[in-house]
N, C-alpha and C. Protein backbone atom coordinates (compact mmCIF):
# COMPACT_ATOMS: atom_id res chain seq x y z
N MET A 1 97.80 83.63 127.70
CA MET A 1 96.55 83.35 128.14
C MET A 1 96.58 82.00 129.10
N SER A 2 97.55 81.28 128.78
CA SER A 2 97.62 80.05 129.58
C SER A 2 98.02 80.44 131.08
N LYS A 3 98.84 81.50 131.21
CA LYS A 3 99.19 81.97 132.68
C LYS A 3 97.93 82.51 133.32
N ILE A 4 97.09 83.18 132.56
CA ILE A 4 95.86 83.81 133.14
C ILE A 4 94.93 82.63 133.48
N GLU A 5 94.90 81.52 132.70
CA GLU A 5 93.99 80.44 132.96
C GLU A 5 94.46 79.73 134.22
N GLU A 6 95.77 79.58 134.43
CA GLU A 6 96.37 79.05 135.69
C GLU A 6 95.80 79.70 136.92
N ILE A 7 95.92 81.06 136.79
CA ILE A 7 95.49 81.92 137.91
C ILE A 7 93.87 81.73 138.25
N ASP A 8 93.11 81.96 137.11
CA ASP A 8 91.62 81.90 137.23
C ASP A 8 91.01 81.65 135.78
N SER A 9 90.51 80.48 135.50
CA SER A 9 90.02 80.30 134.18
C SER A 9 88.87 81.19 133.80
N ARG A 10 88.19 81.77 134.75
CA ARG A 10 87.00 82.58 134.52
C ARG A 10 87.45 83.94 133.84
N VAL A 11 88.72 84.39 134.15
CA VAL A 11 89.24 85.65 133.54
C VAL A 11 89.47 85.35 132.03
N LYS A 12 90.11 84.26 131.76
CA LYS A 12 90.31 83.89 130.39
C LYS A 12 89.03 83.86 129.65
N ALA A 13 87.99 83.22 130.12
CA ALA A 13 86.63 83.11 129.43
C ALA A 13 86.11 84.40 129.27
N TYR A 14 86.21 85.34 130.35
CA TYR A 14 85.63 86.75 130.31
C TYR A 14 86.38 87.62 129.11
N LEU A 15 87.59 87.39 129.04
CA LEU A 15 88.39 88.20 127.95
C LEU A 15 87.95 87.72 126.58
N TYR A 16 87.81 86.37 126.27
CA TYR A 16 87.38 85.82 125.06
C TYR A 16 85.91 86.28 124.86
N ASP A 17 85.11 86.35 125.91
CA ASP A 17 83.66 86.74 125.61
C ASP A 17 83.48 88.28 125.26
N ILE A 18 84.28 89.18 125.88
CA ILE A 18 84.16 90.50 125.62
C ILE A 18 84.76 90.91 124.20
N GLY A 19 85.68 90.02 123.83
CA GLY A 19 86.29 90.26 122.46
C GLY A 19 87.64 90.93 122.49
N TYR A 20 88.42 90.61 121.60
CA TYR A 20 89.74 91.12 121.52
C TYR A 20 89.77 92.59 121.43
N HIS A 21 88.88 93.17 120.65
CA HIS A 21 88.96 94.54 120.34
C HIS A 21 88.73 95.46 121.61
N ARG A 22 88.29 94.76 122.68
CA ARG A 22 88.07 95.65 123.98
C ARG A 22 89.31 95.64 124.82
N TRP A 23 90.28 94.82 124.44
CA TRP A 23 91.42 94.71 125.48
C TRP A 23 92.80 94.58 124.85
N PHE A 24 93.01 94.03 123.62
CA PHE A 24 94.37 93.73 123.19
C PHE A 24 95.17 95.00 122.97
N ARG A 25 94.66 96.15 122.44
CA ARG A 25 95.34 97.33 122.21
C ARG A 25 96.02 97.89 123.45
N VAL A 26 95.28 97.82 124.63
CA VAL A 26 95.76 98.35 125.80
C VAL A 26 97.07 97.82 126.29
N HIS A 27 97.39 96.51 125.88
CA HIS A 27 98.50 95.90 126.34
C HIS A 27 99.77 96.12 125.43
N ALA A 28 99.52 96.64 124.28
CA ALA A 28 100.58 96.95 123.25
C ALA A 28 101.43 98.07 123.73
N THR A 29 102.70 97.91 123.80
CA THR A 29 103.53 99.18 124.32
C THR A 29 104.47 99.58 123.22
N VAL A 30 104.44 98.88 122.01
CA VAL A 30 105.27 99.32 120.91
C VAL A 30 104.33 99.43 119.65
N ASN A 31 104.93 100.04 118.69
CA ASN A 31 104.25 100.16 117.38
C ASN A 31 104.20 98.75 116.77
N ARG A 32 103.02 98.29 116.52
CA ARG A 32 102.75 96.86 115.98
C ARG A 32 102.82 96.85 114.43
N THR A 33 102.53 97.92 113.86
CA THR A 33 102.44 97.99 112.33
C THR A 33 101.71 96.81 111.72
N TRP A 34 100.62 96.45 112.42
CA TRP A 34 99.56 95.53 112.00
C TRP A 34 100.30 94.05 111.74
N THR A 35 101.31 93.72 112.39
CA THR A 35 101.82 92.36 112.43
C THR A 35 101.67 91.69 113.75
N MET A 36 100.69 90.70 113.59
CA MET A 36 100.25 90.13 114.83
C MET A 36 100.82 88.63 114.85
N THR A 37 102.01 88.53 115.32
CA THR A 37 102.68 87.16 115.38
C THR A 37 103.43 87.03 116.71
N SER A 38 103.37 85.91 117.30
CA SER A 38 104.08 85.60 118.59
C SER A 38 105.60 85.21 118.28
N ASN A 39 105.85 84.80 117.23
CA ASN A 39 107.31 84.31 117.11
C ASN A 39 107.64 84.25 115.61
N ILE A 40 108.65 85.13 115.30
CA ILE A 40 109.02 85.10 113.82
C ILE A 40 109.54 83.67 113.33
N ALA A 41 110.21 83.02 114.30
CA ALA A 41 110.71 81.62 113.96
C ALA A 41 109.52 80.78 113.57
N GLU A 42 108.34 80.89 114.22
CA GLU A 42 107.18 80.06 113.79
C GLU A 42 106.79 80.38 112.52
N SER A 43 106.80 81.64 112.10
CA SER A 43 106.36 82.01 110.72
C SER A 43 107.38 81.64 109.57
N LEU A 44 108.59 81.78 109.88
CA LEU A 44 109.60 81.23 109.03
C LEU A 44 109.64 79.63 108.87
N ASN A 45 109.44 78.98 109.95
CA ASN A 45 109.37 77.55 109.91
C ASN A 45 108.19 77.04 109.15
N ALA A 46 106.98 77.73 109.10
CA ALA A 46 105.81 77.45 108.32
C ALA A 46 106.13 77.51 106.82
N VAL A 47 106.95 78.58 106.50
CA VAL A 47 107.23 78.79 105.11
C VAL A 47 108.28 77.84 104.47
N THR A 48 109.17 77.54 105.40
CA THR A 48 110.47 76.69 105.00
C THR A 48 110.27 75.18 105.39
N LYS A 49 108.89 74.79 105.66
CA LYS A 49 108.64 73.43 106.11
C LYS A 49 109.36 72.38 105.32
N TYR A 50 109.18 72.32 104.02
CA TYR A 50 109.67 71.31 103.23
C TYR A 50 111.22 71.56 102.88
N ALA A 51 111.67 72.72 102.77
CA ALA A 51 113.05 73.00 102.45
C ALA A 51 113.95 72.64 103.57
N ARG A 52 113.46 72.42 104.75
CA ARG A 52 114.44 72.04 105.94
C ARG A 52 115.06 70.88 105.74
N GLU A 53 114.64 69.95 104.79
CA GLU A 53 115.20 68.57 104.52
C GLU A 53 116.34 68.72 103.49
N LEU A 54 116.49 69.88 102.88
CA LEU A 54 117.60 70.08 101.94
C LEU A 54 118.90 70.17 102.50
N PRO A 55 120.00 69.99 101.77
CA PRO A 55 121.34 70.24 102.31
C PRO A 55 121.46 71.65 102.56
N ILE A 56 122.46 72.18 103.47
CA ILE A 56 122.48 73.46 104.00
C ILE A 56 122.65 74.63 102.88
N VAL A 57 123.43 74.30 101.92
CA VAL A 57 123.56 75.36 100.80
C VAL A 57 122.22 75.52 100.09
N GLU A 58 121.57 74.39 99.73
CA GLU A 58 120.30 74.50 99.12
C GLU A 58 119.31 75.19 99.96
N LEU A 59 119.26 74.95 101.29
CA LEU A 59 118.34 75.52 102.20
C LEU A 59 118.62 76.97 102.22
N LEU A 60 119.78 77.42 102.28
CA LEU A 60 120.25 78.89 102.30
C LEU A 60 119.74 79.53 101.00
N GLU A 61 120.01 78.82 99.87
CA GLU A 61 119.60 79.41 98.52
C GLU A 61 118.01 79.53 98.55
N TYR A 62 117.30 78.61 98.99
CA TYR A 62 115.92 78.54 99.02
C TYR A 62 115.38 79.83 99.93
N MET A 63 116.04 80.06 101.07
CA MET A 63 115.63 81.15 101.93
C MET A 63 116.01 82.39 101.26
N ARG A 64 117.14 82.51 100.59
CA ARG A 64 117.58 83.69 99.88
C ARG A 64 116.55 84.03 98.75
N THR A 65 116.23 83.04 98.00
CA THR A 65 115.29 83.37 96.88
C THR A 65 113.95 83.82 97.40
N LEU A 66 113.56 83.11 98.53
CA LEU A 66 112.29 83.50 99.19
C LEU A 66 112.29 85.00 99.61
N LEU A 67 113.33 85.42 100.30
CA LEU A 67 113.48 86.88 100.78
C LEU A 67 113.60 87.71 99.52
N GLU A 68 114.31 87.25 98.43
CA GLU A 68 114.44 88.04 97.21
C GLU A 68 113.05 88.30 96.53
N ARG A 69 112.16 87.21 96.55
CA ARG A 69 110.83 87.26 95.84
C ARG A 69 109.97 88.29 96.85
N TRP A 70 110.08 88.06 98.11
CA TRP A 70 109.30 88.98 98.93
C TRP A 70 109.64 90.46 98.78
N THR A 71 110.93 90.67 98.71
CA THR A 71 111.43 92.03 98.56
C THR A 71 111.06 92.63 97.22
N LYS A 72 111.03 91.85 96.19
CA LYS A 72 110.67 92.30 94.80
C LYS A 72 109.18 92.65 94.84
N GLU A 73 108.36 91.78 95.53
CA GLU A 73 106.87 91.90 95.47
C GLU A 73 106.58 93.13 96.25
N LYS A 74 107.20 93.51 97.38
CA LYS A 74 107.07 94.68 98.17
C LYS A 74 107.43 95.94 97.40
N LEU A 75 108.57 95.74 96.68
CA LEU A 75 109.13 96.98 95.88
C LEU A 75 108.11 97.32 94.82
N LEU A 76 107.57 96.26 94.16
CA LEU A 76 106.62 96.47 93.04
C LEU A 76 105.38 97.15 93.51
N LYS A 77 104.93 96.79 94.74
CA LYS A 77 103.66 97.25 95.28
C LYS A 77 104.05 98.75 95.65
N ALA A 78 105.24 99.03 96.27
CA ALA A 78 105.46 100.51 96.65
C ALA A 78 105.59 101.28 95.38
N LYS A 79 106.18 100.82 94.34
CA LYS A 79 106.40 101.55 93.06
C LYS A 79 104.96 101.78 92.49
N GLY A 80 104.02 100.90 92.68
CA GLY A 80 102.73 100.99 92.14
C GLY A 80 101.74 101.94 92.99
N THR A 81 102.32 102.44 94.07
CA THR A 81 101.51 103.28 94.95
C THR A 81 101.78 104.60 94.56
N PHE A 82 100.62 105.43 94.32
CA PHE A 82 100.83 106.80 94.00
C PHE A 82 100.19 107.78 94.96
N THR A 83 100.05 107.31 96.23
CA THR A 83 99.55 107.98 97.30
C THR A 83 100.64 108.40 98.26
N TYR A 84 100.52 109.25 99.20
CA TYR A 84 101.53 109.67 100.10
C TYR A 84 102.08 108.58 100.96
N ILE A 85 101.14 107.63 101.35
CA ILE A 85 101.53 106.52 102.20
C ILE A 85 101.24 105.31 101.46
N GLY A 86 101.95 104.19 101.86
CA GLY A 86 101.89 102.98 101.23
C GLY A 86 100.50 102.35 101.15
N PHE A 87 100.25 101.36 100.27
CA PHE A 87 98.95 100.80 100.01
C PHE A 87 98.22 100.30 101.31
N LYS A 88 98.88 99.42 102.07
CA LYS A 88 98.29 98.86 103.30
C LYS A 88 97.88 99.85 104.26
N PHE A 89 98.80 100.95 104.36
CA PHE A 89 98.47 101.98 105.44
C PHE A 89 97.35 103.05 104.85
N ASN A 90 97.44 103.23 103.50
CA ASN A 90 96.41 104.00 102.83
C ASN A 90 94.99 103.40 103.09
N LYS A 91 94.94 102.05 102.92
CA LYS A 91 93.66 101.26 103.11
C LYS A 91 93.09 101.51 104.42
N GLU A 92 94.01 101.41 105.47
CA GLU A 92 93.68 101.55 106.88
C GLU A 92 93.24 103.07 107.08
N LEU A 93 93.91 104.00 106.53
CA LEU A 93 93.50 105.38 106.71
C LEU A 93 92.18 105.65 106.03
N ASP A 94 91.87 104.97 104.88
CA ASP A 94 90.50 105.09 104.26
C ASP A 94 89.43 104.46 105.10
N ASN A 95 89.73 103.41 105.77
CA ASN A 95 88.73 102.78 106.69
C ASN A 95 88.43 103.81 107.80
N ASN A 96 89.56 104.30 108.36
CA ASN A 96 89.34 105.27 109.45
C ASN A 96 88.57 106.48 108.95
N ARG A 97 88.89 106.85 107.79
CA ARG A 97 88.22 108.14 107.27
C ARG A 97 86.69 107.87 107.09
N ILE A 98 86.24 106.68 106.74
CA ILE A 98 84.92 106.30 106.69
C ILE A 98 84.19 106.38 107.96
N LEU A 99 84.90 105.76 109.06
CA LEU A 99 84.41 105.87 110.33
C LEU A 99 84.28 107.22 110.85
N SER A 100 85.16 108.14 110.42
CA SER A 100 85.14 109.38 111.11
C SER A 100 84.03 110.37 110.65
N HIS A 101 83.37 110.03 109.58
CA HIS A 101 82.36 110.91 109.16
C HIS A 101 81.12 110.90 109.99
N LYS A 102 80.95 110.03 110.83
CA LYS A 102 79.72 110.03 111.75
C LYS A 102 80.10 110.71 113.06
N LEU A 103 81.29 111.18 113.19
CA LEU A 103 81.66 111.76 114.56
C LEU A 103 81.44 113.30 114.51
N ARG A 104 81.24 113.84 115.69
CA ARG A 104 81.14 115.34 115.87
C ARG A 104 82.34 115.72 116.66
N VAL A 105 82.70 116.93 116.44
CA VAL A 105 84.05 117.61 116.96
C VAL A 105 83.80 118.86 117.61
N ARG A 106 84.35 119.02 118.81
CA ARG A 106 84.44 120.36 119.39
C ARG A 106 85.87 120.62 119.67
N ALA A 107 86.27 121.76 119.25
CA ALA A 107 87.72 122.16 119.46
C ALA A 107 87.96 122.87 120.84
N SER A 108 88.79 122.47 121.57
CA SER A 108 89.15 123.13 122.86
C SER A 108 90.23 124.21 122.67
N THR A 109 91.22 123.78 121.85
CA THR A 109 92.31 124.73 121.42
C THR A 109 92.71 124.37 120.01
N ASP A 110 93.67 124.90 119.53
CA ASP A 110 94.12 124.73 118.12
C ASP A 110 94.57 123.16 117.98
N TYR A 111 95.06 122.63 119.07
CA TYR A 111 95.66 121.19 119.03
C TYR A 111 94.90 120.28 119.86
N ILE A 112 93.92 120.60 120.69
CA ILE A 112 93.14 119.68 121.43
C ILE A 112 91.73 119.77 121.14
N HIS A 113 91.07 118.55 120.76
CA HIS A 113 89.71 118.42 120.30
C HIS A 113 89.08 117.25 121.07
N THR A 114 87.74 117.57 121.27
CA THR A 114 86.92 116.46 121.77
C THR A 114 86.11 115.97 120.62
N VAL A 115 86.07 114.67 120.57
CA VAL A 115 85.41 114.07 119.35
C VAL A 115 84.37 113.16 120.14
N LEU A 116 83.19 113.39 119.59
CA LEU A 116 81.94 112.65 120.14
C LEU A 116 81.41 111.55 119.18
N ASP A 117 81.32 110.38 119.68
CA ASP A 117 80.86 109.30 118.97
C ASP A 117 79.69 108.78 119.79
N GLY A 118 78.40 109.28 119.51
CA GLY A 118 77.25 108.89 120.29
C GLY A 118 77.45 109.42 121.65
N VAL A 119 77.53 108.46 122.74
CA VAL A 119 77.73 108.95 124.10
C VAL A 119 79.14 108.91 124.38
N ARG A 120 79.91 108.30 123.56
CA ARG A 120 81.43 108.23 123.95
C ARG A 120 82.15 109.47 123.55
N ARG A 121 83.18 109.83 124.33
CA ARG A 121 83.91 110.93 124.09
C ARG A 121 85.44 110.60 124.09
N TYR A 122 86.06 111.17 123.09
CA TYR A 122 87.49 110.86 122.89
C TYR A 122 88.24 112.28 122.75
N ILE A 123 89.45 112.29 123.42
CA ILE A 123 90.21 113.49 123.34
C ILE A 123 91.40 113.26 122.44
N VAL A 124 91.58 114.22 121.44
CA VAL A 124 92.61 114.13 120.48
C VAL A 124 93.53 115.26 120.76
N CYS A 125 94.82 114.96 120.79
CA CYS A 125 95.84 116.01 120.97
C CYS A 125 96.79 115.96 119.85
N PHE A 126 96.76 116.86 118.95
CA PHE A 126 97.69 116.87 117.77
C PHE A 126 99.11 117.26 118.18
N GLU A 127 99.25 117.94 119.19
CA GLU A 127 100.77 118.38 119.68
C GLU A 127 101.53 117.05 119.94
N ASN A 128 100.91 116.12 120.62
CA ASN A 128 101.52 114.93 120.99
C ASN A 128 101.28 113.68 120.02
N LYS A 129 100.30 113.87 119.12
CA LYS A 129 99.91 112.88 118.22
C LYS A 129 99.22 111.67 119.06
N ARG A 130 98.25 112.15 119.91
CA ARG A 130 97.69 111.14 120.73
C ARG A 130 96.16 111.21 120.73
N CYS A 131 95.43 110.09 120.91
CA CYS A 131 94.01 110.14 121.13
C CYS A 131 93.75 109.14 122.30
N SER A 132 92.66 109.49 123.04
CA SER A 132 92.31 108.62 124.23
C SER A 132 91.89 107.26 123.86
N CYS A 133 91.64 106.98 122.61
CA CYS A 133 91.28 105.56 122.23
C CYS A 133 92.74 104.81 122.07
N ARG A 134 93.74 105.46 122.07
CA ARG A 134 95.14 104.92 121.96
C ARG A 134 95.51 104.38 120.51
N GLN A 135 94.68 104.38 119.58
CA GLN A 135 95.04 103.78 118.36
C GLN A 135 95.95 104.78 117.56
N PHE A 136 95.67 106.07 117.70
CA PHE A 136 96.61 107.08 116.98
C PHE A 136 98.10 106.90 117.35
N GLN A 137 98.41 106.82 118.73
CA GLN A 137 99.73 106.64 119.16
C GLN A 137 100.40 105.29 118.87
N LEU A 138 99.53 104.28 119.04
CA LEU A 138 100.04 102.89 118.73
C LEU A 138 100.40 102.62 117.26
N ASP A 139 99.44 103.02 116.43
CA ASP A 139 99.51 102.70 115.00
C ASP A 139 100.41 103.77 114.25
N GLU A 140 100.56 105.05 114.92
CA GLU A 140 101.27 106.10 114.37
C GLU A 140 100.55 106.56 112.96
N LEU A 141 99.27 106.50 112.97
CA LEU A 141 98.39 106.72 111.88
C LEU A 141 97.05 107.33 112.36
N PRO A 142 96.57 108.46 111.88
CA PRO A 142 95.45 109.02 112.46
C PRO A 142 94.23 108.08 112.48
N CYS A 143 93.69 107.97 113.76
CA CYS A 143 92.55 107.17 114.10
C CYS A 143 91.21 107.84 113.59
N PRO A 144 90.15 107.19 113.52
CA PRO A 144 88.98 108.03 113.09
C PRO A 144 88.69 109.26 113.84
N HIS A 145 88.90 109.35 115.13
CA HIS A 145 88.69 110.49 115.86
C HIS A 145 89.62 111.61 115.48
N ALA A 146 90.97 111.20 115.11
CA ALA A 146 91.89 112.27 114.80
C ALA A 146 91.52 112.80 113.38
N LEU A 147 90.98 111.93 112.48
CA LEU A 147 90.69 112.29 111.08
C LEU A 147 89.57 113.35 111.22
N ALA A 148 88.48 113.00 112.12
CA ALA A 148 87.41 113.90 112.28
C ALA A 148 87.77 115.25 112.71
N ALA A 149 88.71 115.31 113.72
CA ALA A 149 89.30 116.58 114.11
C ALA A 149 90.04 117.38 113.09
N LEU A 150 90.85 116.54 112.31
CA LEU A 150 91.65 117.16 111.22
C LEU A 150 90.64 117.74 110.15
N ARG A 151 89.61 117.10 109.80
CA ARG A 151 88.62 117.64 108.94
C ARG A 151 87.91 118.85 109.57
N HIS A 152 87.71 118.91 110.77
CA HIS A 152 87.12 120.06 111.49
C HIS A 152 88.12 121.27 111.40
N LYS A 153 89.37 120.93 111.46
CA LYS A 153 90.45 122.01 111.35
C LYS A 153 90.67 122.38 109.99
N ASP A 154 90.18 121.51 108.94
CA ASP A 154 90.56 121.66 107.55
C ASP A 154 92.00 121.58 107.38
N GLU A 155 92.59 120.41 107.94
CA GLU A 155 94.00 120.29 107.98
C GLU A 155 94.22 118.80 107.29
N SER A 156 95.40 118.66 106.67
CA SER A 156 95.69 117.43 106.01
C SER A 156 96.24 116.38 107.09
N PHE A 157 96.35 115.08 106.71
CA PHE A 157 96.67 114.11 107.62
C PHE A 157 98.21 113.72 107.50
N GLU A 158 98.89 114.08 106.49
CA GLU A 158 100.32 113.65 106.17
C GLU A 158 101.26 113.92 107.43
N GLN A 159 101.16 115.02 108.04
CA GLN A 159 102.21 115.23 109.14
C GLN A 159 102.01 114.40 110.37
N TYR A 160 100.84 113.65 110.37
CA TYR A 160 100.44 112.87 111.43
C TYR A 160 100.53 111.43 111.36
N CYS A 161 101.22 110.96 110.14
CA CYS A 161 101.45 109.65 109.80
C CYS A 161 103.04 109.43 110.14
N SER A 162 103.32 108.21 110.61
CA SER A 162 104.72 107.76 110.77
C SER A 162 105.49 107.98 109.37
N PRO A 163 106.69 108.49 109.36
CA PRO A 163 107.35 108.53 108.16
C PRO A 163 107.72 107.18 107.46
N TYR A 164 107.66 106.14 108.35
CA TYR A 164 107.95 104.83 107.88
C TYR A 164 106.90 104.24 106.94
N TYR A 165 105.76 104.87 107.00
CA TYR A 165 104.53 104.46 106.17
C TYR A 165 104.51 105.19 104.77
N THR A 166 105.49 106.10 104.68
CA THR A 166 105.43 106.91 103.39
C THR A 166 105.88 106.03 102.17
N ARG A 167 105.35 106.33 101.00
CA ARG A 167 105.89 105.67 99.81
C ARG A 167 107.36 105.83 99.66
N ALA A 168 107.94 107.01 99.87
CA ALA A 168 109.46 107.25 99.83
C ALA A 168 110.14 106.27 100.59
N ILE A 169 109.84 106.22 101.87
CA ILE A 169 110.62 105.24 102.77
C ILE A 169 110.41 103.73 102.28
N LEU A 170 109.13 103.41 101.93
CA LEU A 170 109.00 102.06 101.42
C LEU A 170 109.80 101.68 100.27
N LEU A 171 109.95 102.63 99.38
CA LEU A 171 110.80 102.45 98.19
C LEU A 171 112.19 102.22 98.64
N ARG A 172 112.71 103.10 99.53
CA ARG A 172 114.10 102.91 99.91
C ARG A 172 114.39 101.62 100.67
N THR A 173 113.37 101.21 101.51
CA THR A 173 113.56 99.89 102.21
C THR A 173 113.69 98.71 101.35
N TYR A 174 112.78 98.67 100.30
CA TYR A 174 112.76 97.49 99.44
C TYR A 174 113.71 97.57 98.26
N LYS A 175 114.57 98.65 98.08
CA LYS A 175 115.62 98.72 97.12
C LYS A 175 116.83 98.01 97.56
N ILE A 176 116.97 97.59 98.74
CA ILE A 176 118.12 96.89 99.33
C ILE A 176 118.16 95.61 98.56
N PRO A 177 119.28 95.21 97.91
CA PRO A 177 119.33 93.89 97.26
C PRO A 177 119.46 92.81 98.11
N VAL A 178 118.87 91.64 97.70
CA VAL A 178 119.14 90.33 98.38
C VAL A 178 120.30 89.64 97.49
N ASN A 179 121.42 89.67 97.81
CA ASN A 179 122.49 89.19 97.04
C ASN A 179 122.55 87.68 96.96
N PRO A 180 122.82 87.16 95.72
CA PRO A 180 122.92 85.63 95.58
C PRO A 180 124.16 85.08 96.20
N LEU A 181 124.01 83.81 96.49
CA LEU A 181 125.13 83.07 97.09
C LEU A 181 126.18 82.84 96.00
N PRO A 182 127.43 82.82 96.29
CA PRO A 182 128.53 82.38 95.19
C PRO A 182 128.26 81.01 94.86
N ASP A 183 128.75 80.64 93.62
CA ASP A 183 128.80 79.28 93.10
C ASP A 183 129.53 78.39 94.00
N GLU A 184 128.99 77.30 94.49
CA GLU A 184 129.75 76.48 95.47
C GLU A 184 130.78 75.66 94.87
N SER A 185 130.76 75.45 93.55
CA SER A 185 131.62 74.62 92.73
C SER A 185 132.93 75.28 92.64
N LYS A 186 133.10 76.69 92.87
CA LYS A 186 134.34 77.41 92.73
C LYS A 186 135.03 77.46 94.04
């Protein structure tokens, strides 16, 4: 935004005024998985603010136990999930499902559907897992338009979600141990 402001401050003001929801997804070229951070080092620095004054071995042990705690929390959450996809993703899917109920659907082919939301029209292509809103392909989770079309087809959502969001993959991800450091006195 600072570079935009250097060119023309009116553009920055305009982008803020119309709201992030109107423009930020268009610029995303990779799967964001709902993590909106500019720098992982900033996030880690915020969490380890007080530990940075510790001697190096204690700092490493602090960071190791932090990762161990995070991993255990995520593993417990994945174990407590009894849906096809993980809790966070299932919640997003539920929100999309609620939004999908007000939409009308017209099928063009078995895999291309036009979804009408008032005067707006969205094109959903199941063959490529895409929607003209771009949310489907960026999040790799069916958007409200895709869910409306799936309901119209009387088809389930599972094959249209990223495999990384599944309970099975989350369990495998968080089963990787965070090994303790050896005793420094030996």
